[in-house]
Amino acid sequence: MTMDVLGKTLQVESEVWLYEPPHRIGQRNTRSGITGVFEYVLEPDGTGTTILFTCHIRPHGFMWLTLPWLLRSTRLRFCDQLSALKRAIENKD
């Protein structure tokens, strides 16, 4: 998985724990004492597709101290990610 964290591109190994094409995919990874579990659910809504994204972040050890910062940066990162996904889908021929 490629992630943008504060303008820095990171490559993170990720495990696919759920795969139900074309409606659901889930991934998880652990890096630097933080486990992230992510799920995307795609549902037709009459005029297009609604994407439901859930993200569970679990810091381990002293990384709990960084939780407020993690939540802020994660929310911004994934809002940008969903916008980029929308642009990619709409621009596909």
C-alpha atoms as a PDB file:
ATOM      1  CA  MET A   1       0.000   0.000   0.000  1.00  0.00           C
ATOM      2  CA  THR A   2       1.264   3.484  -0.801  1.00  0.00           C
ATOM      3  CA  MET A   3       0.384   6.200   1.716  1.00  0.00           C
ATOM      4  CA  ASP A   4       0.969   9.939   1.862  1.00  0.00           C
ATOM      5  CA  VAL A   5       1.776  10.971   5.425  1.00  0.00           C
ATOM      6  CA  LEU A   6       2.310  14.704   5.874  1.00  0.00           C
ATOM      7  CA  GLY A   7       3.568  15.022   2.311  1.00  0.00           C
ATOM      8  CA  LYS A   8       5.896  12.018   2.572  1.00  0.00           C
ATOM      9  CA  THR A   9       5.145   8.936   0.444  1.00  0.00           C
ATOM     10  CA  LEU A  10       5.459   5.665   2.353  1.00  0.00           C
ATOM     11  CA  GLN A  11       5.276   2.078   1.127  1.00  0.00           C
ATOM     12  CA  VAL A  12       3.563  -0.127   3.728  1.00  0.00           C
ATOM     13  CA  GLU A  13       2.975  -3.857   3.485  1.00  0.00           C
ATOM     14  CA  SER A  14      -0.732  -4.503   3.927  1.00  0.00           C
ATOM     15  CA  GLU A  15      -2.815  -7.666   4.355  1.00  0.00           C
ATOM     16  CA  VAL A  16      -6.142  -8.031   2.551  1.00  0.00           C
ATOM     17  CA  TRP A  17      -8.454  -9.521   5.205  1.00  0.00           C
ATOM     18  CA  LEU A  18     -11.723  -9.104   3.284  1.00  0.00           C
ATOM     19  CA  TYR A  19     -12.369  -9.306  -0.444  1.00  0.00           C
ATOM     20  CA  GLU A  20     -15.890  -9.453  -1.891  1.00  0.00           C
ATOM     21  CA  PRO A  21     -15.701  -7.935  -5.373  1.00  0.00           C
ATOM     22  CA  PRO A  22     -17.097  -5.610  -6.482  1.00  0.00           C
ATOM     23  CA  HIS A  23     -18.593  -4.366  -3.197  1.00  0.00           C
ATOM     24  CA  ARG A  24     -16.145  -4.777  -0.294  1.00  0.00           C
ATOM     25  CA  ILE A  25     -12.424  -4.813   0.440  1.00  0.00           C
ATOM     26  CA  GLY A  26     -10.624  -4.682   3.758  1.00  0.00           C
ATOM     27  CA  GLN A  27      -6.926  -4.202   4.545  1.00  0.00           C
ATOM     28  CA  ARG A  28      -4.834  -4.096   7.699  1.00  0.00           C
ATOM     29  CA  ASN A  29      -1.267  -3.281   8.549  1.00  0.00           C
ATOM     30  CA  THR A  30       0.965  -2.607  11.526  1.00  0.00           C
ATOM     31  CA  ARG A  31       3.785  -0.082  11.315  1.00  0.00           C
ATOM     32  CA  SER A  32       5.761   1.783  13.974  1.00  0.00           C
ATOM     33  CA  GLY A  33       3.593   0.487  16.821  1.00  0.00           C
ATOM     34  CA  ILE A  34       0.259   1.356  15.189  1.00  0.00           C
ATOM     35  CA  THR A  35      -2.242  -1.091  13.683  1.00  0.00           C
ATOM     36  CA  GLY A  36      -4.690   0.181  11.081  1.00  0.00           C
ATOM     37  CA  VAL A  37      -7.744  -1.780   9.922  1.00  0.00           C
ATOM     38  CA  PHE A  38      -9.524  -0.331   6.884  1.00  0.00           C
ATOM     39  CA  GLU A  39     -12.678  -1.322   5.029  1.00  0.00           C
ATOM     40  CA  TYR A  40     -14.353   0.056   1.909  1.00  0.00           C
ATOM     41  CA  VAL A  41     -17.974  -0.798   1.068  1.00  0.00           C
ATOM     42  CA  LEU A  42     -19.326   0.314  -2.322  1.00  0.00           C
ATOM     43  CA  GLU A  43     -23.103   0.535  -2.748  1.00  0.00           C
ATOM     44  CA  PRO A  44     -25.119   1.682  -5.782  1.00  0.00           C
ATOM     45  CA  ASP A  45     -27.298   4.680  -4.888  1.00  0.00           C
ATOM     46  CA  GLY A  46     -29.311   5.369  -8.044  1.00  0.00           C
ATOM     47  CA  THR A  47     -27.149   8.221  -9.336  1.00  0.00           C
ATOM     48  CA  GLY A  48     -23.754   6.617  -8.802  1.00  0.00           C
ATOM     49  CA  THR A  49     -21.986   4.819  -5.994  1.00  0.00           C
ATOM     50  CA  THR A  50     -21.758   5.561  -2.302  1.00  0.00           C
ATOM     51  CA  ILE A  51     -18.495   4.568  -0.619  1.00  0.00           C
ATOM     52  CA  LEU A  52     -18.560   3.787   3.082  1.00  0.00           C
ATOM     53  CA  PHE A  53     -15.058   3.862   4.541  1.00  0.00           C
ATOM     54  CA  THR A  54     -14.198   2.720   8.055  1.00  0.00           C
ATOM     55  CA  CYS A  55     -10.813   3.021   9.679  1.00  0.00           C
ATOM     56  CA  HIS A  56      -9.809   1.658  13.080  1.00  0.00           C
ATOM     57  CA  ILE A  57      -6.461   2.839  14.417  1.00  0.00           C
ATOM     58  CA  ARG A  58      -4.914   1.054  17.417  1.00  0.00           C
ATOM     59  CA  PRO A  59      -1.674   2.416  18.832  1.00  0.00           C
ATOM     60  CA  HIS A  60       0.463   0.035  20.903  1.00  0.00           C
ATOM     61  CA  GLY A  61       2.643   0.963  23.881  1.00  0.00           C
ATOM     62  CA  PHE A  62       3.713   4.595  24.184  1.00  0.00           C
ATOM     63  CA  MET A  63       2.161   5.324  20.780  1.00  0.00           C
ATOM     64  CA  TRP A  64      -1.122   5.894  22.697  1.00  0.00           C
ATOM     65  CA  LEU A  65       0.325   9.323  23.507  1.00  0.00           C
ATOM     66  CA  THR A  66       0.176  10.207  19.806  1.00  0.00           C
ATOM     67  CA  LEU A  67      -3.495   9.234  19.372  1.00  0.00           C
ATOM     68  CA  PRO A  68      -4.917  12.803  19.078  1.00  0.00           C
ATOM     69  CA  TRP A  69      -2.369  13.676  16.375  1.00  0.00           C
ATOM     70  CA  LEU A  70      -2.960  10.356  14.599  1.00  0.00           C
ATOM     71  CA  LEU A  71      -6.712  10.902  14.442  1.00  0.00           C
ATOM     72  CA  ARG A  72      -6.345  14.382  12.951  1.00  0.00           C
ATOM     73  CA  SER A  73      -3.794  13.363  10.324  1.00  0.00           C
ATOM     74  CA  THR A  74      -5.615  10.124   9.446  1.00  0.00           C
ATOM     75  CA  ARG A  75      -8.933  11.907   8.903  1.00  0.00           C
ATOM     76  CA  LEU A  76      -7.318  14.409   6.518  1.00  0.00           C
ATOM     77  CA  ARG A  77      -5.331  11.747   4.666  1.00  0.00           C
ATOM     78  CA  PHE A  78      -8.352   9.545   4.001  1.00  0.00           C
ATOM     79  CA  CYS A  79     -10.597  12.443   2.981  1.00  0.00           C
ATOM     80  CA  ASP A  80      -8.006  13.240   0.317  1.00  0.00           C
ATOM     81  CA  GLN A  81      -7.787   9.567  -0.630  1.00  0.00           C
ATOM     82  CA  LEU A  82     -11.532   9.282  -1.267  1.00  0.00           C
ATOM     83  CA  SER A  83     -11.478  12.454  -3.391  1.00  0.00           C
ATOM     84  CA  ALA A  84      -8.607  11.015  -5.438  1.00  0.00           C
ATOM     85  CA  LEU A  85     -10.532   7.745  -5.883  1.00  0.00           C
ATOM     86  CA  LYS A  86     -13.567   9.667  -7.137  1.00  0.00           C
ATOM     87  CA  ARG A  87     -11.446  11.619  -9.638  1.00  0.00           C
ATOM     88  CA  ALA A  88      -9.774   8.418 -10.885  1.00  0.00           C
ATOM     89  CA  ILE A  89     -13.109   6.681 -11.420  1.00  0.00           C
ATOM     90  CA  GLU A  90     -14.706   9.667 -13.151  1.00  0.00           C
ATOM     91  CA  ASN A  91     -11.713  10.183 -15.478  1.00  0.00           C
ATOM     92  CA  LYS A  92     -11.493   6.537 -16.501  1.00  0.00           C
ATOM     93  CA  ASP A  93     -12.433   5.914 -20.150  1.00  0.00           C
END
